[in-house]
Amino acid sequence: HSLRFKQWYQRRVRASPLFSLAMLRSQIENCATPVWYSHFRPITFDTLFVHLTPDFLAYLSADGVVLPPSLIPSHKNMQQQDSSDSEVDEEEWEETPQATQPDFPDLEEKVRQAIERLGGEVFIKLNWSAPRDVSWMLHDNSLCCRTPLDVILLLKGSEFIQHDLTQAFMECSDGISQTPTGGFVLTIRRFQSITPAGEFRCFVRGNNLIAVSQRNHRQFLPTILADRINLLNDIQHFFFNYIQGKFPDPDFVFDVYRAGPHHVLLVDFNPFCRVTDPLLFTWDELCAIAPGSHPVFKVVENQESIKGHPYGSNRVPQDIATINNQQDINDFVNMFNNGKFEESDDDDDL
């Protein structure tokens, strides 16, 4: 986990003559969903929180994929519903010694209840990061979780989650502890299908909106170009009415989803520093924009200007990515533990 994250982080964080890396723990803490949610609840997605115990955090940090035994039978039952598509060897489910299997019944029940309360489909993250790098681990290649098994698979496999656990405060000048004040919290949000044309990242400096970027910078979306004036007007109106002066720091980044004309929702907050992806901007460009000037709005203007996949280094070979929901989860776990697939730079990778 740590080596691959460092490689990703080094690609993300570049030396800049215009921008200092020094920042305070409070700036990171303020961007944690459990911290800001109560203040902005009316304008964001419904969210529930589950505090994580030390034993579960240790499980997330340990190497390998060993599932809690209570989750395996539920998946086996799913396999038995369609026995014509796959043959399951009953004895394979007993191969992992029970003594090595973790057990988190209280956590599983809290997650199950939260999923039910939020409508049966949820999006998860820790205090800051979502496991976007491992969307391939779920059968529909999305981050929509329907069971505690889905949640644990994403948490266990994600390097972005490892960042929250071990390096969230790595750029802070005040203190070396990597544990947030309120502990680590599983954030469970109501899932909503969103269109890439409605996602935007907004940059604020000195409590002024200085820049807006198309969130999905690897897609050319003509609808954004055609409606860019109205888009920016709606985002500015949202900022002036609901965000400006209400976030505790003067410099920050926030993500929004424009569901339709005059309908904007808050997605997340991020610190105004180089660990946050500037998307279509560079940090040099952002720091050169004078607060108070008209916001600079950048979108992908043609197919030729598309950047590479943002999580390309976290992808897996095509034969693994195409596993469907009938695939035996025990086979997948064994493949992972036995090193049967590795990160590759081949053209066949996603």
Protein backbone atom coordinates (compact mmCIF):
# COMPACT_ATOMS: atom_id res chain seq x y z
CA HIS A 1 0.00 0.00 0.00
CA SER A 2 2.54 2.60 1.14
CA LEU A 3 4.93 2.26 -1.82
CA ARG A 4 2.25 2.69 -4.46
CA PHE A 5 0.71 5.60 -2.58
CA LYS A 6 4.09 7.34 -2.39
CA GLN A 7 4.45 6.95 -6.16
CA TRP A 8 0.99 8.47 -6.67
CA TYR A 9 1.70 11.25 -4.18
CA GLN A 10 5.02 12.15 -5.80
CA ARG A 11 3.27 12.51 -9.15
CA ARG A 12 0.62 14.71 -7.53
CA VAL A 13 2.87 16.96 -5.46
CA ARG A 14 5.36 19.01 -7.49
CA ALA A 15 7.72 21.66 -6.25
CA SER A 16 6.24 25.09 -6.92
CA PRO A 17 7.96 28.46 -6.60
CA LEU A 18 4.61 30.13 -5.92
CA PHE A 19 3.11 27.92 -3.26
CA SER A 20 4.27 26.84 0.17
CA LEU A 21 3.53 23.33 1.40
CA ALA A 22 3.35 24.44 5.04
CA MET A 23 -0.13 24.18 6.46
CA LEU A 24 -1.87 23.57 9.78
CA ARG A 25 -3.60 20.48 11.09
CA SER A 26 -6.77 22.51 11.55
CA GLN A 27 -6.96 23.11 7.80
CA ILE A 28 -6.98 19.36 7.20
CA GLU A 29 -9.34 18.65 10.09
CA ASN A 30 -11.85 21.22 8.85
CA CYS A 31 -12.17 19.36 5.55
CA ALA A 32 -13.15 16.06 7.20
CA THR A 33 -16.77 15.22 6.45
CA PRO A 34 -17.65 14.47 10.11
CA VAL A 35 -16.46 17.99 10.99
CA TRP A 36 -18.26 20.06 8.35
CA TYR A 37 -21.38 17.97 7.72
CA SER A 38 -23.61 19.38 10.48
CA HIS A 39 -22.96 22.94 9.29
CA PHE A 40 -23.84 22.23 5.65
CA ARG A 41 -26.33 19.39 6.00
CA PRO A 42 -29.22 21.11 4.14
CA ILE A 43 -27.17 21.50 0.94
CA THR A 44 -25.44 18.11 0.73
CA PHE A 45 -26.23 14.39 0.58
CA ASP A 46 -27.71 12.55 3.57
CA THR A 47 -24.87 11.06 5.59
CA LEU A 48 -24.39 8.75 8.59
CA PHE A 49 -21.18 8.09 10.54
CA VAL A 50 -19.69 5.01 12.18
CA HIS A 51 -16.65 5.42 14.44
CA LEU A 52 -13.99 2.82 13.74
CA THR A 53 -12.37 0.76 16.49
CA PRO A 54 -8.61 0.20 16.85
CA ASP A 55 -8.92 -3.48 15.92
CA PHE A 56 -10.70 -2.66 12.66
CA LEU A 57 -8.13 0.02 11.83
CA ALA A 58 -5.38 -2.53 12.41
CA TYR A 59 -7.20 -4.91 10.06
CA LEU A 60 -7.33 -2.25 7.33
CA SER A 61 -3.59 -1.62 7.67
CA ALA A 62 -2.59 -5.30 7.59
CA ASP A 63 -1.44 -6.95 4.36
CA GLY A 64 -3.64 -9.40 2.48
CA VAL A 65 -7.38 -9.78 2.08
CA VAL A 66 -9.05 -11.94 4.72
CA LEU A 67 -12.78 -11.42 5.03
CA PRO A 68 -14.78 -11.60 8.25
CA PRO A 69 -16.40 -15.08 8.34
CA SER A 70 -19.89 -13.66 8.83
CA LEU A 71 -19.72 -12.04 5.39
CA ILE A 72 -18.65 -15.10 3.43
CA PRO A 73 -21.86 -17.17 3.80
CA SER A 74 -23.99 -14.26 2.60
CA HIS A 75 -21.93 -14.10 -0.58
CA LYS A 76 -22.04 -17.88 -0.97
CA ASN A 77 -25.82 -17.73 -0.87
CA MET A 78 -25.72 -15.19 -3.69
CA GLN A 79 -23.65 -17.65 -5.72
CA GLN A 80 -26.13 -20.45 -5.11
CA GLN A 81 -28.96 -18.35 -6.55
CA ASP A 82 -27.39 -18.76 -9.98
CA SER A 83 -25.63 -22.12 -9.94
CA SER A 84 -25.97 -22.42 -13.72
CA ASP A 85 -23.40 -19.64 -14.18
CA SER A 86 -20.75 -20.84 -11.72
CA GLU A 87 -19.82 -23.95 -9.77
CA VAL A 88 -18.92 -23.38 -6.15
CA ASP A 89 -16.89 -25.89 -4.21
CA GLU A 90 -18.43 -25.86 -0.76
CA GLU A 91 -15.17 -26.90 0.86
CA GLU A 92 -13.28 -23.88 -0.54
CA TRP A 93 -15.09 -21.62 1.89
CA GLU A 94 -13.34 -23.39 4.75
CA GLU A 95 -9.79 -23.12 3.38
CA THR A 96 -8.88 -20.01 5.38
CA PRO A 97 -8.14 -20.97 9.00
CA GLN A 98 -10.85 -19.55 11.21
CA ALA A 99 -8.24 -18.34 13.73
CA THR A 100 -6.87 -15.88 11.14
CA GLN A 101 -10.23 -14.44 10.16
CA PRO A 102 -11.22 -11.08 11.64
CA ASP A 103 -14.62 -10.63 13.20
CA PHE A 104 -16.43 -7.28 13.51
CA PRO A 105 -20.10 -8.09 14.18
CA ASP A 106 -20.91 -4.73 15.78
CA LEU A 107 -19.39 -2.77 12.90
CA GLU A 108 -21.09 -4.95 10.30
CA GLU A 109 -24.47 -4.44 11.96
CA LYS A 110 -24.01 -0.65 12.18
CA VAL A 111 -23.03 -0.54 8.51
CA ARG A 112 -25.99 -2.73 7.55
CA GLN A 113 -28.38 -0.47 9.46
CA ALA A 114 -26.90 2.66 7.91
CA ILE A 115 -27.28 1.23 4.40
CA GLU A 116 -30.91 0.41 5.13
CA ARG A 117 -31.63 3.88 6.55
CA LEU A 118 -30.10 5.54 3.50
CA GLY A 119 -32.20 3.63 1.00
CA GLY A 120 -30.16 0.49 0.33
CA GLU A 121 -27.38 2.05 -1.76
CA VAL A 122 -24.54 4.12 -0.33
CA PHE A 123 -21.25 5.81 -1.16
CA ILE A 124 -18.48 5.46 1.45
CA LYS A 125 -15.33 7.27 2.48
CA LEU A 126 -13.24 7.78 5.58
CA ASN A 127 -12.76 11.21 7.15
CA TRP A 128 -11.48 12.66 3.86
CA SER A 129 -10.93 10.17 1.08
CA ALA A 130 -13.19 7.89 -0.93
CA PRO A 131 -11.85 4.60 -2.34
CA ARG A 132 -12.11 5.84 -5.93
CA ASP A 133 -8.99 3.92 -6.91
CA VAL A 134 -10.68 0.52 -6.43
CA SER A 135 -14.09 0.97 -8.04
CA TRP A 136 -13.18 -2.09 -10.14
CA MET A 137 -13.56 -4.29 -7.04
CA LEU A 138 -17.37 -4.10 -7.25
CA HIS A 139 -19.13 -5.95 -10.03
CA ASP A 140 -20.63 -2.86 -11.68
CA ASN A 141 -17.34 -0.91 -11.57
CA SER A 142 -18.89 1.77 -9.38
CA LEU A 143 -18.61 2.88 -5.76
CA CYS A 144 -22.21 1.98 -4.98
CA CYS A 145 -22.23 -0.25 -1.88
CA ARG A 146 -25.22 -2.40 -0.97
CA THR A 147 -23.79 -4.70 1.70
CA PRO A 148 -21.16 -4.62 4.47
CA LEU A 149 -19.07 -6.89 2.21
CA ASP A 150 -18.95 -4.18 -0.48
CA VAL A 151 -17.88 -1.62 2.14
CA ILE A 152 -15.09 -3.75 3.61
CA LEU A 153 -13.72 -4.74 0.19
CA LEU A 154 -13.37 -1.10 -0.86
CA LEU A 155 -11.88 0.03 2.45
CA LYS A 156 -9.42 -2.86 2.52
CA GLY A 157 -8.25 -2.49 -1.09
CA SER A 158 -7.88 1.29 -1.41
CA GLU A 159 -4.59 3.15 -1.22
CA PHE A 160 -6.53 6.40 -0.82
CA ILE A 161 -7.98 4.99 2.39
CA GLN A 162 -4.45 4.14 3.50
CA HIS A 163 -3.56 7.80 2.92
CA ASP A 164 -6.23 8.85 5.42
CA LEU A 165 -4.93 6.34 7.95
CA THR A 166 -1.23 7.08 7.71
CA GLN A 167 -0.45 10.33 5.85
CA ALA A 168 -3.38 12.74 6.16
CA PHE A 169 -1.26 15.28 8.08
CA MET A 170 2.07 14.64 6.38
CA GLU A 171 2.35 18.24 5.09
CA CYS A 172 1.33 19.95 8.34
CA SER A 173 3.82 22.11 10.20
CA ASP A 174 2.28 21.68 13.65
CA GLY A 175 2.48 18.18 15.07
CA ILE A 176 3.36 14.71 13.83
CA SER A 177 0.35 12.66 14.95
CA GLN A 178 -1.53 11.15 12.02
CA THR A 179 -4.71 10.54 14.02
CA PRO A 180 -7.54 13.08 13.65
CA THR A 181 -8.92 14.72 16.77
CA GLY A 182 -12.19 12.78 16.70
CA GLY A 183 -10.65 9.51 15.56
CA PHE A 184 -11.22 7.74 12.28
CA VAL A 185 -14.80 7.65 11.07
CA LEU A 186 -16.51 5.69 8.32
CA THR A 187 -18.64 8.15 6.37
CA ILE A 188 -21.69 6.57 4.73
CA ARG A 189 -23.58 8.75 2.26
CA ARG A 190 -26.78 8.18 0.33
CA PHE A 191 -25.80 7.07 -3.16
CA GLN A 192 -26.97 9.14 -6.07
CA SER A 193 -26.21 8.47 -9.70
CA ILE A 194 -24.60 11.60 -11.06
CA THR A 195 -23.61 12.65 -14.55
CA PRO A 196 -20.01 13.76 -15.13
CA ALA A 197 -21.29 16.94 -16.80
CA GLY A 198 -22.57 18.14 -13.43
CA GLU A 199 -19.38 17.74 -11.37
CA PHE A 200 -17.10 20.70 -10.68
CA ARG A 201 -14.21 21.61 -8.37
CA CYS A 202 -14.14 25.14 -6.99
CA PHE A 203 -11.10 26.95 -5.59
CA VAL A 204 -11.44 29.63 -2.91
CA ARG A 205 -8.72 32.01 -1.76
CA GLY A 206 -9.22 34.79 0.74
CA ASN A 207 -12.90 33.78 0.91
CA ASN A 208 -13.24 34.60 -2.80
CA LEU A 209 -14.11 32.11 -5.51
CA ILE A 210 -11.15 32.34 -7.87
CA ALA A 211 -11.47 29.30 -10.16
CA VAL A 212 -13.73 26.45 -11.23
CA SER A 213 -12.68 23.28 -13.05
CA GLN A 214 -14.59 20.50 -14.71
CA ARG A 215 -14.29 17.62 -12.23
CA ASN A 216 -13.92 14.81 -14.75
CA HIS A 217 -10.97 16.10 -16.73
CA ARG A 218 -10.62 12.98 -18.86
CA GLN A 219 -13.88 13.49 -20.75
CA PHE A 220 -14.91 15.96 -23.41
CA LEU A 221 -18.51 16.91 -22.58
CA PRO A 222 -20.03 19.25 -25.18
CA THR A 223 -23.01 19.99 -22.92
CA ILE A 224 -20.68 21.83 -20.51
CA LEU A 225 -19.32 24.02 -23.29
CA ALA A 226 -22.81 24.86 -24.50
CA ASP A 227 -24.01 25.85 -21.03
CA ARG A 228 -20.84 27.19 -19.42
CA ILE A 229 -22.21 30.67 -18.67
CA ASN A 230 -25.25 29.34 -16.82
CA LEU A 231 -23.10 26.74 -15.06
CA LEU A 232 -20.73 29.34 -13.68
CA ASN A 233 -23.60 31.62 -12.67
CA ASP A 234 -25.26 28.81 -10.71
CA ILE A 235 -22.00 27.87 -8.98
CA GLN A 236 -21.27 31.48 -8.07
CA HIS A 237 -24.78 31.96 -6.71
CA PHE A 238 -24.40 28.77 -4.64
CA PHE A 239 -21.07 29.95 -3.26
CA PHE A 240 -22.30 33.43 -2.35
CA ASN A 241 -25.44 32.13 -0.62
CA TYR A 242 -24.29 28.96 1.13
CA ILE A 243 -20.49 28.72 1.35
CA GLN A 244 -18.80 32.12 1.49
CA GLY A 245 -17.90 33.11 5.05
CA LYS A 246 -19.32 29.91 6.52
CA PHE A 247 -16.28 27.64 6.18
CA PRO A 248 -13.71 28.26 8.96
CA ASP A 249 -10.71 28.77 6.66
CA PRO A 250 -10.31 31.56 4.09
CA ASP A 251 -8.51 29.27 1.60
CA PHE A 252 -10.10 25.96 0.63
CA VAL A 253 -11.43 23.83 -2.22
CA PHE A 254 -14.96 22.49 -2.52
CA ASP A 255 -16.66 20.12 -4.95
CA VAL A 256 -20.22 20.55 -6.17
CA TYR A 257 -22.76 18.70 -8.25
CA ARG A 258 -25.12 20.71 -10.43
CA ALA A 259 -28.15 18.45 -10.71
CA GLY A 260 -29.98 20.93 -12.94
CA PRO A 261 -30.54 24.65 -13.52
CA HIS A 262 -30.40 26.52 -10.19
CA HIS A 263 -29.92 23.23 -8.33
CA VAL A 264 -26.42 22.78 -6.90
CA LEU A 265 -25.37 20.38 -4.12
CA LEU A 266 -22.22 20.38 -2.00
CA VAL A 267 -20.15 17.21 -2.36
CA ASP A 268 -16.98 17.77 -0.34
CA PHE A 269 -14.31 20.13 0.98
CA ASN A 270 -10.56 19.83 0.39
CA PRO A 271 -7.56 21.82 1.63
CA PHE A 272 -6.10 24.53 -0.57
CA CYS A 273 -2.73 22.83 -1.05
CA ARG A 274 -0.87 20.69 -3.56
CA VAL A 275 -2.14 17.38 -2.20
CA THR A 276 -5.52 18.38 -3.66
CA ASP A 277 -5.74 17.70 -7.39
CA PRO A 278 -6.00 21.03 -9.29
CA LEU A 279 -7.49 19.13 -12.25
CA LEU A 280 -7.37 21.42 -15.33
CA PHE A 281 -5.29 24.02 -13.48
CA THR A 282 -1.81 23.93 -12.00
CA TRP A 283 -1.08 25.21 -8.52
CA ASP A 284 1.13 27.89 -10.05
CA GLU A 285 -1.86 29.15 -12.05
CA LEU A 286 -4.17 29.09 -9.05
CA CYS A 287 -1.76 30.99 -6.85
CA ALA A 288 -1.29 33.63 -9.55
CA ILE A 289 -5.02 34.47 -9.63
CA ALA A 290 -5.75 37.57 -7.58
CA PRO A 291 -8.56 37.10 -5.02
CA GLY A 292 -11.53 39.23 -5.97
CA SER A 293 -11.10 38.84 -9.71
CA HIS A 294 -13.75 37.11 -11.85
CA PRO A 295 -13.50 33.30 -11.43
CA VAL A 296 -11.52 31.48 -14.11
CA PHE A 297 -13.62 28.62 -15.50
CA LYS A 298 -11.80 25.74 -17.22
CA VAL A 299 -13.39 22.82 -19.07
CA VAL A 300 -12.14 20.20 -21.53
CA GLU A 301 -12.72 21.99 -24.82
CA ASN A 302 -11.96 19.18 -27.27
CA GLN A 303 -11.19 15.48 -27.44
CA GLU A 304 -7.47 16.05 -28.06
CA SER A 305 -6.91 17.84 -24.74
CA ILE A 306 -8.04 14.95 -22.55
CA LYS A 307 -5.64 13.87 -19.82
CA GLY A 308 -4.93 10.26 -18.85
CA HIS A 309 -7.00 8.30 -16.37
CA PRO A 310 -6.45 9.86 -12.91
CA TYR A 311 -6.16 6.44 -11.22
CA GLY A 312 -4.37 4.63 -14.02
CA SER A 313 -1.61 3.40 -11.70
CA ASN A 314 -4.25 1.76 -9.49
CA ARG A 315 -5.79 -0.26 -12.29
CA VAL A 316 -5.54 -4.01 -12.80
CA PRO A 317 -5.30 -6.27 -15.86
CA GLN A 318 -8.37 -6.57 -18.07
CA ASP A 319 -9.11 -10.16 -17.04
CA ILE A 320 -9.50 -9.07 -13.42
CA ALA A 321 -11.42 -5.88 -14.17
CA THR A 322 -14.04 -7.85 -16.11
CA ILE A 323 -14.94 -10.14 -13.20
CA ASN A 324 -18.73 -10.12 -12.90
CA ASN A 325 -21.02 -10.52 -9.94
CA GLN A 326 -21.13 -14.32 -10.33
CA GLN A 327 -17.37 -14.60 -9.81
CA ASP A 328 -16.47 -16.63 -6.74
CA ILE A 329 -15.29 -14.06 -4.18
CA ASN A 330 -13.12 -16.72 -2.56
CA ASP A 331 -11.20 -17.15 -5.83
CA PHE A 332 -10.64 -13.40 -5.99
CA VAL A 333 -9.31 -13.27 -2.43
CA ASN A 334 -6.97 -16.21 -3.09
CA MET A 335 -5.67 -14.57 -6.27
CA PHE A 336 -4.96 -11.37 -4.36
CA ASN A 337 -3.16 -13.12 -1.50
CA ASN A 338 -1.12 -15.36 -3.83
CA GLY A 339 0.03 -12.47 -6.01
CA LYS A 340 -1.67 -13.79 -9.13
CA PHE A 341 -2.15 -10.28 -10.52
CA GLU A 342 0.14 -7.27 -10.38
CA GLU A 343 0.00 -3.66 -11.45
CA SER A 344 1.03 -3.42 -15.09
CA ASP A 345 1.92 -0.72 -17.59
CA ASP A 346 0.80 -2.83 -20.57
CA ASP A 347 -1.69 -1.46 -23.07
CA ASP A 348 -4.17 -4.17 -22.03
CA ASP A 349 -4.63 -2.54 -18.63
CA LEU A 350 -7.58 -0.25 -18.00
